[in-house]
């Protein structure tokens, strides 16, 4: 049987499959044993509770999903008290996704979480397109990304994963800045910008008009971003964006991802991540190839 264990930063994964932040929660435990995943990423947590954006904030499209949730979450204190104990019960890596409206506030959140046991890594969300003065304000400027990651690095020895936005001029520059700042891993991509209009009312289908677009429609965009980032950094990449099945996952791995995350597909098929794990083992056995040799193995 193929060995699909990987290491990213200080994290040892039993397999290279996780779930994208905001698309997956503890309620999935009713459907399968969550410890079968290589890692679990929480919904993004902020220092203070956020009620999110006004509805309507979800709209299905011809090929994917528009969302403008706005990082709705119960806040750091509530997460530590109520959610973290439940996540600790799951026998796999726990990645806590965080966002903030200043570099100092990122540090405050990290310091509080770093006092808590049972957390393996942090996903630094610098790429959410659905909030003002947060996330996207950090992720589009290489100097800001470098300064942010450098400060976070001073506050923790745990694995730092920086989640990148595709809505930038040069993904290479942002990726290199995150690596230089001390990131252990990159994850990409977050959603692209999108919108939809109701032709009967002529109103946008999303209250905020412009939303984050995810799902199969963004897969080619995500794939080329992963490929480009993998060419300029030495740290591992978690690839995401339109992954539905093992074939999609394999494309990302061959393009340069060491691990993959299932996002919008969780709403369509909650068992997609498990099917990908099994499919990966089958593929490696049939092709008689080692997993490490599959990563970044595009033939020209």
C-alpha atoms as a PDB file:
ATOM      1  CA  UNK A   1       0.000   0.000   0.000  1.00  0.00           C
ATOM      2  CA  UNK A   2       1.288   3.444  -0.935  1.00  0.00           C
ATOM      3  CA  UNK A   3       2.809   5.629   1.778  1.00  0.00           C
ATOM      4  CA  UNK A   4       1.064   9.005   1.646  1.00  0.00           C
ATOM      5  CA  UNK A   5       2.346  10.548   4.866  1.00  0.00           C
ATOM      6  CA  UNK A   6       3.796  14.040   4.493  1.00  0.00           C
ATOM      7  CA  UNK A   7       5.435  16.689   6.674  1.00  0.00           C
ATOM      8  CA  UNK A   8       4.679  20.401   6.521  1.00  0.00           C
ATOM      9  CA  UNK A   9       6.509  22.539   9.045  1.00  0.00           C
ATOM     10  CA  UNK A  10       6.267  20.582  12.299  1.00  0.00           C
ATOM     11  CA  UNK A  11       3.085  18.814  11.241  1.00  0.00           C
ATOM     12  CA  UNK A  12       3.126  15.145  10.292  1.00  0.00           C
ATOM     13  CA  UNK A  13       0.107  14.249   8.138  1.00  0.00           C
ATOM     14  CA  UNK A  14      -1.218  10.684   7.864  1.00  0.00           C
ATOM     15  CA  UNK A  15      -2.382  11.663   4.370  1.00  0.00           C
ATOM     16  CA  UNK A  16      -2.207  14.894   2.309  1.00  0.00           C
ATOM     17  CA  UNK A  17      -5.929  15.708   2.339  1.00  0.00           C
ATOM     18  CA  UNK A  18      -7.605  18.436   4.362  1.00  0.00           C
ATOM     19  CA  UNK A  19     -10.658  20.683   4.077  1.00  0.00           C
ATOM     20  CA  UNK A  20     -10.869  24.361   3.211  1.00  0.00           C
ATOM     21  CA  UNK A  21     -11.654  26.778   6.005  1.00  0.00           C
ATOM     22  CA  UNK A  22     -15.269  27.896   6.064  1.00  0.00           C
ATOM     23  CA  UNK A  23     -16.611  24.868   4.191  1.00  0.00           C
ATOM     24  CA  UNK A  24     -16.390  22.257   6.908  1.00  0.00           C
ATOM     25  CA  UNK A  25     -17.240  21.983  10.595  1.00  0.00           C
ATOM     26  CA  UNK A  26     -17.702  19.620  13.500  1.00  0.00           C
ATOM     27  CA  UNK A  27     -21.157  18.695  12.223  1.00  0.00           C
ATOM     28  CA  UNK A  28     -19.479  16.524   9.560  1.00  0.00           C
ATOM     29  CA  UNK A  29     -18.631  14.102  12.379  1.00  0.00           C
ATOM     30  CA  UNK A  30     -22.205  12.839  12.009  1.00  0.00           C
ATOM     31  CA  UNK A  31     -21.260  11.544   8.549  1.00  0.00           C
ATOM     32  CA  UNK A  32     -17.789  10.039   9.014  1.00  0.00           C
ATOM     33  CA  UNK A  33     -14.816   9.712  11.355  1.00  0.00           C
ATOM     34  CA  UNK A  34     -13.009  13.037  10.957  1.00  0.00           C
ATOM     35  CA  UNK A  35      -9.742  11.516  12.163  1.00  0.00           C
ATOM     36  CA  UNK A  36      -9.416   9.932   8.709  1.00  0.00           C
ATOM     37  CA  UNK A  37      -8.435  13.336   7.344  1.00  0.00           C
ATOM     38  CA  UNK A  38      -4.819  14.425   7.220  1.00  0.00           C
ATOM     39  CA  UNK A  39      -5.788  17.701   8.885  1.00  0.00           C
ATOM     40  CA  UNK A  40      -8.826  19.826   9.679  1.00  0.00           C
ATOM     41  CA  UNK A  41      -8.949  23.580   9.171  1.00  0.00           C
ATOM     42  CA  UNK A  42     -11.429  25.535  11.274  1.00  0.00           C
ATOM     43  CA  UNK A  43     -13.586  28.393  10.064  1.00  0.00           C
ATOM     44  CA  UNK A  44     -11.630  31.637  10.286  1.00  0.00           C
ATOM     45  CA  UNK A  45     -11.580  33.056  13.820  1.00  0.00           C
ATOM     46  CA  UNK A  46     -11.214  36.742  14.704  1.00  0.00           C
ATOM     47  CA  UNK A  47     -10.422  38.423  18.018  1.00  0.00           C
ATOM     48  CA  UNK A  48     -13.987  39.658  18.488  1.00  0.00           C
ATOM     49  CA  UNK A  49     -17.241  38.035  17.328  1.00  0.00           C
ATOM     50  CA  UNK A  50     -18.380  38.962  13.817  1.00  0.00           C
ATOM     51  CA  UNK A  51     -21.978  38.768  12.643  1.00  0.00           C
ATOM     52  CA  UNK A  52     -20.904  38.731   9.008  1.00  0.00           C
ATOM     53  CA  UNK A  53     -22.503  40.402   6.032  1.00  0.00           C
ATOM     54  CA  UNK A  54     -26.211  40.966   5.455  1.00  0.00           C
ATOM     55  CA  UNK A  55     -28.128  38.392   3.406  1.00  0.00           C
ATOM     56  CA  UNK A  56     -28.532  37.333   0.731  1.00  0.00           C
ATOM     57  CA  UNK A  57     -24.918  36.212   0.910  1.00  0.00           C
ATOM     58  CA  UNK A  58     -24.921  32.878  -0.937  1.00  0.00           C
ATOM     59  CA  UNK A  59     -25.803  32.254  -4.566  1.00  0.00           C
ATOM     60  CA  UNK A  60     -25.277  29.128  -6.651  1.00  0.00           C
ATOM     61  CA  UNK A  61     -23.939  29.729 -10.148  1.00  0.00           C
ATOM     62  CA  UNK A  62     -23.651  27.647 -13.316  1.00  0.00           C
ATOM     63  CA  UNK A  63     -20.280  26.345 -12.150  1.00  0.00           C
ATOM     64  CA  UNK A  64     -19.683  27.047  -8.487  1.00  0.00           C
ATOM     65  CA  UNK A  65     -20.805  29.185  -5.603  1.00  0.00           C
ATOM     66  CA  UNK A  66     -20.799  32.877  -4.740  1.00  0.00           C
ATOM     67  CA  UNK A  67     -20.427  33.686  -1.060  1.00  0.00           C
ATOM     68  CA  UNK A  68     -20.204  36.852   0.960  1.00  0.00           C
ATOM     69  CA  UNK A  69     -20.370  35.473   4.497  1.00  0.00           C
ATOM     70  CA  UNK A  70     -17.933  38.051   5.825  1.00  0.00           C
ATOM     71  CA  UNK A  71     -16.028  35.847   8.284  1.00  0.00           C
ATOM     72  CA  UNK A  72     -19.007  35.366  10.597  1.00  0.00           C
ATOM     73  CA  UNK A  73     -17.657  33.662  13.723  1.00  0.00           C
ATOM     74  CA  UNK A  74     -18.163  33.592  17.515  1.00  0.00           C
ATOM     75  CA  UNK A  75     -14.835  35.244  18.294  1.00  0.00           C
ATOM     76  CA  UNK A  76     -11.635  34.009  19.889  1.00  0.00           C
ATOM     77  CA  UNK A  77     -12.820  33.613  23.479  1.00  0.00           C
ATOM     78  CA  UNK A  78     -15.897  31.639  22.489  1.00  0.00           C
ATOM     79  CA  UNK A  79     -13.872  29.446  20.141  1.00  0.00           C
ATOM     80  CA  UNK A  80     -11.363  28.576  22.863  1.00  0.00           C
ATOM     81  CA  UNK A  81     -14.109  27.817  25.361  1.00  0.00           C
ATOM     82  CA  UNK A  82     -16.593  25.895  23.238  1.00  0.00           C
ATOM     83  CA  UNK A  83     -15.154  24.708  19.928  1.00  0.00           C
ATOM     84  CA  UNK A  84     -11.514  23.965  20.639  1.00  0.00           C
ATOM     85  CA  UNK A  85     -12.262  21.213  23.221  1.00  0.00           C
ATOM     86  CA  UNK A  86     -14.359  19.414  20.584  1.00  0.00           C
ATOM     87  CA  UNK A  87     -11.687  19.731  17.903  1.00  0.00           C
ATOM     88  CA  UNK A  88      -9.105  18.313  20.328  1.00  0.00           C
ATOM     89  CA  UNK A  89     -11.048  15.043  20.428  1.00  0.00           C
ATOM     90  CA  UNK A  90     -10.318  14.410  16.742  1.00  0.00           C
ATOM     91  CA  UNK A  91      -7.162  12.377  16.135  1.00  0.00           C
ATOM     92  CA  UNK A  92      -5.668  14.447  13.345  1.00  0.00           C
ATOM     93  CA  UNK A  93      -3.850  17.752  12.816  1.00  0.00           C
ATOM     94  CA  UNK A  94      -5.795  20.843  13.809  1.00  0.00           C
ATOM     95  CA  UNK A  95      -5.233  24.027  11.810  1.00  0.00           C
ATOM     96  CA  UNK A  96      -6.874  27.129  13.260  1.00  0.00           C
ATOM     97  CA  UNK A  97      -7.614  29.746  10.613  1.00  0.00           C
ATOM     98  CA  UNK A  98      -7.340  33.332  11.827  1.00  0.00           C
ATOM     99  CA  UNK A  99      -7.827  36.846  10.519  1.00  0.00           C
ATOM    100  CA  UNK A 100      -7.502  40.321  12.027  1.00  0.00           C
ATOM    101  CA  UNK A 101      -7.653  44.005  11.135  1.00  0.00           C
ATOM    102  CA  UNK A 102      -4.078  44.863  12.112  1.00  0.00           C
ATOM    103  CA  UNK A 103      -0.702  43.197  12.480  1.00  0.00           C
ATOM    104  CA  UNK A 104      -0.795  43.739  16.241  1.00  0.00           C
ATOM    105  CA  UNK A 105      -4.216  42.117  16.449  1.00  0.00           C
ATOM    106  CA  UNK A 106      -2.963  39.080  14.538  1.00  0.00           C
ATOM    107  CA  UNK A 107      -0.263  38.851  17.203  1.00  0.00           C
ATOM    108  CA  UNK A 108      -2.816  39.084  20.005  1.00  0.00           C
ATOM    109  CA  UNK A 109      -4.864  36.230  18.552  1.00  0.00           C
ATOM    110  CA  UNK A 110      -1.793  34.050  18.019  1.00  0.00           C
ATOM    111  CA  UNK A 111      -0.522  34.651  21.560  1.00  0.00           C
ATOM    112  CA  UNK A 112      -3.866  33.608  23.039  1.00  0.00           C
ATOM    113  CA  UNK A 113      -4.102  30.485  20.880  1.00  0.00           C
ATOM    114  CA  UNK A 114      -0.490  29.543  21.515  1.00  0.00           C
ATOM    115  CA  UNK A 115      -1.319  29.070  25.200  1.00  0.00           C
ATOM    116  CA  UNK A 116      -3.859  26.407  24.248  1.00  0.00           C
ATOM    117  CA  UNK A 117      -2.884  22.756  23.745  1.00  0.00           C
ATOM    118  CA  UNK A 118      -4.049  20.666  20.821  1.00  0.00           C
ATOM    119  CA  UNK A 119      -3.363  23.106  17.980  1.00  0.00           C
ATOM    120  CA  UNK A 120      -0.861  22.031  15.328  1.00  0.00           C
ATOM    121  CA  UNK A 121      -0.786  25.012  13.027  1.00  0.00           C
ATOM    122  CA  UNK A 122      -2.276  28.359  12.087  1.00  0.00           C
ATOM    123  CA  UNK A 123      -3.715  29.360   8.742  1.00  0.00           C
ATOM    124  CA  UNK A 124      -3.116  33.087   8.372  1.00  0.00           C
ATOM    125  CA  UNK A 125      -5.999  34.282   6.227  1.00  0.00           C
ATOM    126  CA  UNK A 126      -4.685  37.306   4.350  1.00  0.00           C
ATOM    127  CA  UNK A 127      -6.992  36.724   1.410  1.00  0.00           C
ATOM    128  CA  UNK A 128     -10.699  36.990   2.279  1.00  0.00           C
ATOM    129  CA  UNK A 129     -12.461  39.163  -0.333  1.00  0.00           C
ATOM    130  CA  UNK A 130     -15.644  39.653   1.702  1.00  0.00           C
ATOM    131  CA  UNK A 131     -14.584  41.974   4.535  1.00  0.00           C
ATOM    132  CA  UNK A 132     -13.377  45.546   4.667  1.00  0.00           C
ATOM    133  CA  UNK A 133     -10.069  46.473   6.303  1.00  0.00           C
ATOM    134  CA  UNK A 134      -9.262  42.845   6.881  1.00  0.00           C
ATOM    135  CA  UNK A 135      -7.688  39.913   5.105  1.00  0.00           C
ATOM    136  CA  UNK A 136      -7.447  41.195   1.542  1.00  0.00           C
ATOM    137  CA  UNK A 137      -5.826  44.437   2.728  1.00  0.00           C
ATOM    138  CA  UNK A 138      -2.846  42.353   3.841  1.00  0.00           C
ATOM    139  CA  UNK A 139      -2.611  39.777   1.093  1.00  0.00           C
ATOM    140  CA  UNK A 140      -2.096  41.985  -1.942  1.00  0.00           C
ATOM    141  CA  UNK A 141       1.081  43.763  -0.831  1.00  0.00           C
ATOM    142  CA  UNK A 142       4.317  41.832  -0.589  1.00  0.00           C
ATOM    143  CA  UNK A 143       5.887  44.150   1.999  1.00  0.00           C
ATOM    144  CA  UNK A 144       2.829  43.913   4.238  1.00  0.00           C
ATOM    145  CA  UNK A 145       2.749  40.118   3.867  1.00  0.00           C
ATOM    146  CA  UNK A 146       6.422  39.921   4.810  1.00  0.00           C
ATOM    147  CA  UNK A 147       5.983  42.176   7.857  1.00  0.00           C
ATOM    148  CA  UNK A 148       2.867  40.335   9.023  1.00  0.00           C
ATOM    149  CA  UNK A 149       4.377  36.859   8.752  1.00  0.00           C
ATOM    150  CA  UNK A 150       7.620  38.043  10.373  1.00  0.00           C
ATOM    151  CA  UNK A 151       5.718  39.330  13.402  1.00  0.00           C
ATOM    152  CA  UNK A 152       3.628  36.178  13.696  1.00  0.00           C
ATOM    153  CA  UNK A 153       6.771  34.058  13.454  1.00  0.00           C
ATOM    154  CA  UNK A 154       8.077  35.797  16.582  1.00  0.00           C
ATOM    155  CA  UNK A 155       4.978  34.744  18.520  1.00  0.00           C
ATOM    156  CA  UNK A 156       4.820  31.030  17.773  1.00  0.00           C
ATOM    157  CA  UNK A 157       6.871  27.945  16.996  1.00  0.00           C
ATOM    158  CA  UNK A 158       3.846  26.159  15.576  1.00  0.00           C
ATOM    159  CA  UNK A 159       3.407  25.658  11.851  1.00  0.00           C
ATOM    160  CA  UNK A 160       2.430  28.846  10.012  1.00  0.00           C
ATOM    161  CA  UNK A 161       0.338  28.444   6.865  1.00  0.00           C
ATOM    162  CA  UNK A 162      -0.290  31.606   4.843  1.00  0.00           C
ATOM    163  CA  UNK A 163      -3.430  31.547   2.706  1.00  0.00           C
ATOM    164  CA  UNK A 164      -2.935  33.526  -0.488  1.00  0.00           C
ATOM    165  CA  UNK A 165      -5.344  35.404  -2.714  1.00  0.00           C
ATOM    166  CA  UNK A 166      -5.417  35.001  -6.509  1.00  0.00           C
ATOM    167  CA  UNK A 167      -6.518  38.634  -6.770  1.00  0.00           C
ATOM    168  CA  UNK A 168      -2.961  39.961  -7.044  1.00  0.00           C
ATOM    169  CA  UNK A 169      -0.659  41.144  -9.809  1.00  0.00           C
ATOM    170  CA  UNK A 170       2.079  38.606  -9.024  1.00  0.00           C
ATOM    171  CA  UNK A 171       1.392  35.478  -7.003  1.00  0.00           C
ATOM    172  CA  UNK A 172       5.132  34.786  -7.161  1.00  0.00           C
ATOM    173  CA  UNK A 173       6.019  37.999  -5.299  1.00  0.00           C
ATOM    174  CA  UNK A 174       3.458  37.363  -2.539  1.00  0.00           C
ATOM    175  CA  UNK A 175       4.511  33.723  -2.167  1.00  0.00           C
ATOM    176  CA  UNK A 176       8.193  34.657  -1.857  1.00  0.00           C
ATOM    177  CA  UNK A 177       7.384  37.375   0.683  1.00  0.00           C
ATOM    178  CA  UNK A 178       5.473  34.923   2.867  1.00  0.00           C
ATOM    179  CA  UNK A 179       8.321  32.395   2.692  1.00  0.00           C
ATOM    180  CA  UNK A 180      10.919  35.060   3.481  1.00  0.00           C
ATOM    181  CA  UNK A 181       8.841  36.203   6.456  1.00  0.00           C
ATOM    182  CA  UNK A 182       8.957  32.741   7.994  1.00  0.00           C
ATOM    183  CA  UNK A 183       5.940  30.856   6.659  1.00  0.00           C
ATOM    184  CA  UNK A 184       6.241  27.073   6.812  1.00  0.00           C
ATOM    185  CA  UNK A 185       3.508  26.414   4.256  1.00  0.00           C
ATOM    186  CA  UNK A 186       1.425  28.271   1.689  1.00  0.00           C
ATOM    187  CA  UNK A 187      -2.206  27.523   0.889  1.00  0.00           C
ATOM    188  CA  UNK A 188      -3.824  28.753  -2.311  1.00  0.00           C
ATOM    189  CA  UNK A 189      -6.065  29.839  -3.646  1.00  0.00           C
ATOM    190  CA  UNK A 190      -8.801  31.632  -1.783  1.00  0.00           C
ATOM    191  CA  UNK A 191     -11.849  32.730  -3.782  1.00  0.00           C
ATOM    192  CA  UNK A 192     -11.761  34.967  -6.834  1.00  0.00           C
ATOM    193  CA  UNK A 193     -14.126  37.914  -7.301  1.00  0.00           C
ATOM    194  CA  UNK A 194     -17.518  37.255  -8.875  1.00  0.00           C
ATOM    195  CA  UNK A 195     -21.119  38.393  -9.066  1.00  0.00           C
ATOM    196  CA  UNK A 196     -24.561  37.376 -10.355  1.00  0.00           C
ATOM    197  CA  UNK A 197     -27.704  39.308 -11.274  1.00  0.00           C
ATOM    198  CA  UNK A 198     -31.388  38.334 -11.082  1.00  0.00           C
ATOM    199  CA  UNK A 199     -32.677  39.327 -14.526  1.00  0.00           C
ATOM    200  CA  UNK A 200     -36.286  39.592 -13.298  1.00  0.00           C
ATOM    201  CA  UNK A 201     -35.574  42.117 -10.548  1.00  0.00           C
ATOM    202  CA  UNK A 202     -32.278  43.374 -12.029  1.00  0.00           C
ATOM    203  CA  UNK A 203     -30.832  43.186  -8.544  1.00  0.00           C
ATOM    204  CA  UNK A 204     -27.542  41.531  -7.612  1.00  0.00           C
ATOM    205  CA  UNK A 205     -28.051  38.090  -6.112  1.00  0.00           C
ATOM    206  CA  UNK A 206     -25.616  39.029  -3.324  1.00  0.00           C
ATOM    207  CA  UNK A 207     -26.384  41.936  -0.984  1.00  0.00           C
ATOM    208  CA  UNK A 208     -22.777  43.151  -1.166  1.00  0.00           C
ATOM    209  CA  UNK A 209     -22.918  42.815  -4.978  1.00  0.00           C
ATOM    210  CA  UNK A 210     -19.347  41.500  -5.366  1.00  0.00           C
ATOM    211  CA  UNK A 211     -18.650  38.168  -3.698  1.00  0.00           C
ATOM    212  CA  UNK A 212     -16.101  35.403  -3.454  1.00  0.00           C
ATOM    213  CA  UNK A 213     -16.453  32.817  -6.212  1.00  0.00           C
ATOM    214  CA  UNK A 214     -15.480  29.202  -5.529  1.00  0.00           C
ATOM    215  CA  UNK A 215     -16.054  25.745  -6.969  1.00  0.00           C
ATOM    216  CA  UNK A 216     -15.173  23.949 -10.170  1.00  0.00           C
ATOM    217  CA  UNK A 217     -15.205  27.150 -12.232  1.00  0.00           C
ATOM    218  CA  UNK A 218     -12.044  28.455 -10.571  1.00  0.00           C
ATOM    219  CA  UNK A 219     -10.009  25.259 -10.872  1.00  0.00           C
ATOM    220  CA  UNK A 220      -7.874  26.358 -13.866  1.00  0.00           C
ATOM    221  CA  UNK A 221      -7.134  29.659 -12.111  1.00  0.00           C
ATOM    222  CA  UNK A 222      -6.158  27.868  -8.908  1.00  0.00           C
ATOM    223  CA  UNK A 223      -4.038  25.296 -10.708  1.00  0.00           C
ATOM    224  CA  UNK A 224      -1.881  27.840 -12.513  1.00  0.00           C
ATOM    225  CA  UNK A 225      -1.419  29.829  -9.294  1.00  0.00           C
ATOM    226  CA  UNK A 226      -0.192  26.705  -7.486  1.00  0.00           C
ATOM    227  CA  UNK A 227       2.114  25.872 -10.401  1.00  0.00           C
ATOM    228  CA  UNK A 228       3.589  29.381 -10.451  1.00  0.00           C
ATOM    229  CA  UNK A 229       4.058  29.585  -6.678  1.00  0.00           C
ATOM    230  CA  UNK A 230       5.700  26.161  -6.565  1.00  0.00           C
ATOM    231  CA  UNK A 231       8.325  27.360  -9.016  1.00  0.00           C
ATOM    232  CA  UNK A 232       9.571  30.147  -6.725  1.00  0.00           C
ATOM    233  CA  UNK A 233       9.320  28.778  -3.154  1.00  0.00           C
ATOM    234  CA  UNK A 234      10.843  25.805  -1.380  1.00  0.00           C
ATOM    235  CA  UNK A 235       8.167  25.421   1.293  1.00  0.00           C
ATOM    236  CA  UNK A 236       5.189  23.057   0.820  1.00  0.00           C
ATOM    237  CA  UNK A 237       1.928  24.214  -0.752  1.00  0.00           C
ATOM    238  CA  UNK A 238      -1.630  23.184   0.072  1.00  0.00           C
ATOM    239  CA  UNK A 239      -3.564  23.463  -3.185  1.00  0.00           C
ATOM    240  CA  UNK A 240      -7.261  24.286  -3.300  1.00  0.00           C
ATOM    241  CA  UNK A 241      -9.847  25.709  -5.643  1.00  0.00           C
ATOM    242  CA  UNK A 242     -12.436  23.611  -7.465  1.00  0.00           C
ATOM    243  CA  UNK A 243     -11.205  20.198  -6.306  1.00  0.00           C
ATOM    244  CA  UNK A 244     -14.066  17.688  -6.587  1.00  0.00           C
ATOM    245  CA  UNK A 245     -12.439  14.282  -7.020  1.00  0.00           C
ATOM    246  CA  UNK A 246      -9.190  12.362  -7.247  1.00  0.00           C
ATOM    247  CA  UNK A 247      -8.471  13.540 -10.797  1.00  0.00           C
ATOM    248  CA  UNK A 248      -8.684  17.181  -9.728  1.00  0.00           C
ATOM    249  CA  UNK A 249      -6.524  16.478  -6.680  1.00  0.00           C
ATOM    250  CA  UNK A 250      -3.875  14.741  -8.776  1.00  0.00           C
ATOM    251  CA  UNK A 251      -3.614  17.743 -11.095  1.00  0.00           C
ATOM    252  CA  UNK A 252      -2.827  20.002  -8.146  1.00  0.00           C
ATOM    253  CA  UNK A 253      -0.251  17.591  -6.750  1.00  0.00           C
ATOM    254  CA  UNK A 254       1.466  17.193 -10.115  1.00  0.00           C
ATOM    255  CA  UNK A 255       1.436  21.004 -10.461  1.00  0.00           C
ATOM    256  CA  UNK A 256       3.346  21.383  -7.189  1.00  0.00           C
ATOM    257  CA  UNK A 257       1.009  20.961  -4.218  1.00  0.00           C
ATOM    258  CA  UNK A 258       2.200  18.745  -1.368  1.00  0.00           C
ATOM    259  CA  UNK A 259      -1.339  18.535   0.003  1.00  0.00           C
ATOM    260  CA  UNK A 260      -4.816  19.486  -1.179  1.00  0.00           C
ATOM    261  CA  UNK A 261      -7.940  20.897   0.446  1.00  0.00           C
ATOM    262  CA  UNK A 262     -11.536  20.187  -0.503  1.00  0.00           C
ATOM    263  CA  UNK A 263     -13.806  23.234  -0.216  1.00  0.00           C
ATOM    264  CA  UNK A 264     -17.103  23.900  -1.991  1.00  0.00           C
ATOM    265  CA  UNK A 265     -17.400  20.237  -2.964  1.00  0.00           C
ATOM    266  CA  UNK A 266     -18.063  19.445   0.712  1.00  0.00           C
ATOM    267  CA  UNK A 267     -21.533  20.932   0.215  1.00  0.00           C
ATOM    268  CA  UNK A 268     -22.157  18.722  -2.811  1.00  0.00           C
ATOM    269  CA  UNK A 269     -20.535  15.510  -1.586  1.00  0.00           C
ATOM    270  CA  UNK A 270     -19.562  15.475   2.108  1.00  0.00           C
ATOM    271  CA  UNK A 271     -17.495  12.327   1.541  1.00  0.00           C
ATOM    272  CA  UNK A 272     -15.374  13.791  -1.266  1.00  0.00           C
ATOM    273  CA  UNK A 273     -12.252  14.099   0.891  1.00  0.00           C
ATOM    274  CA  UNK A 274     -12.389  10.433   1.896  1.00  0.00           C
ATOM    275  CA  UNK A 275     -12.888   9.365  -1.708  1.00  0.00           C
ATOM    276  CA  UNK A 276      -9.817  11.377  -2.697  1.00  0.00           C
ATOM    277  CA  UNK A 277      -7.691   9.700  -0.003  1.00  0.00           C
ATOM    278  CA  UNK A 278      -8.668   6.260  -1.271  1.00  0.00           C
ATOM    279  CA  UNK A 279      -8.273   7.327  -4.879  1.00  0.00           C
ATOM    280  CA  UNK A 280      -4.777   8.607  -4.229  1.00  0.00           C
ATOM    281  CA  UNK A 281      -3.663   5.318  -2.710  1.00  0.00           C
ATOM    282  CA  UNK A 282      -5.121   3.411  -5.658  1.00  0.00           C
ATOM    283  CA  UNK A 283      -3.449   5.693  -8.214  1.00  0.00           C
ATOM    284  CA  UNK A 284      -0.022   5.399  -6.599  1.00  0.00           C
ATOM    285  CA  UNK A 285      -0.288   1.620  -6.372  1.00  0.00           C
ATOM    286  CA  UNK A 286      -1.421   1.274  -9.965  1.00  0.00           C
ATOM    287  CA  UNK A 287       1.255   3.614 -11.303  1.00  0.00           C
ATOM    288  CA  UNK A 288       3.891   2.186  -8.962  1.00  0.00           C
ATOM    289  CA  UNK A 289       5.079   5.664  -8.020  1.00  0.00           C
ATOM    290  CA  UNK A 290       6.026   7.194  -4.662  1.00  0.00           C
ATOM    291  CA  UNK A 291       3.938  10.104  -3.473  1.00  0.00           C
ATOM    292  CA  UNK A 292       6.955  12.376  -3.032  1.00  0.00           C
ATOM    293  CA  UNK A 293       7.882  11.773  -6.658  1.00  0.00           C
ATOM    294  CA  UNK A 294       4.428  12.795  -7.833  1.00  0.00           C
ATOM    295  CA  UNK A 295       4.631  16.291  -6.332  1.00  0.00           C
ATOM    296  CA  UNK A 296       5.641  18.932  -8.875  1.00  0.00           C
ATOM    297  CA  UNK A 297       6.167  16.338 -11.595  1.00  0.00           C
ATOM    298  CA  UNK A 298       4.733  18.085 -14.661  1.00  0.00           C
ATOM    299  CA  UNK A 299       6.210  16.612 -17.843  1.00  0.00           C
ATOM    300  CA  UNK A 300       7.202  18.859 -20.739  1.00  0.00           C
END
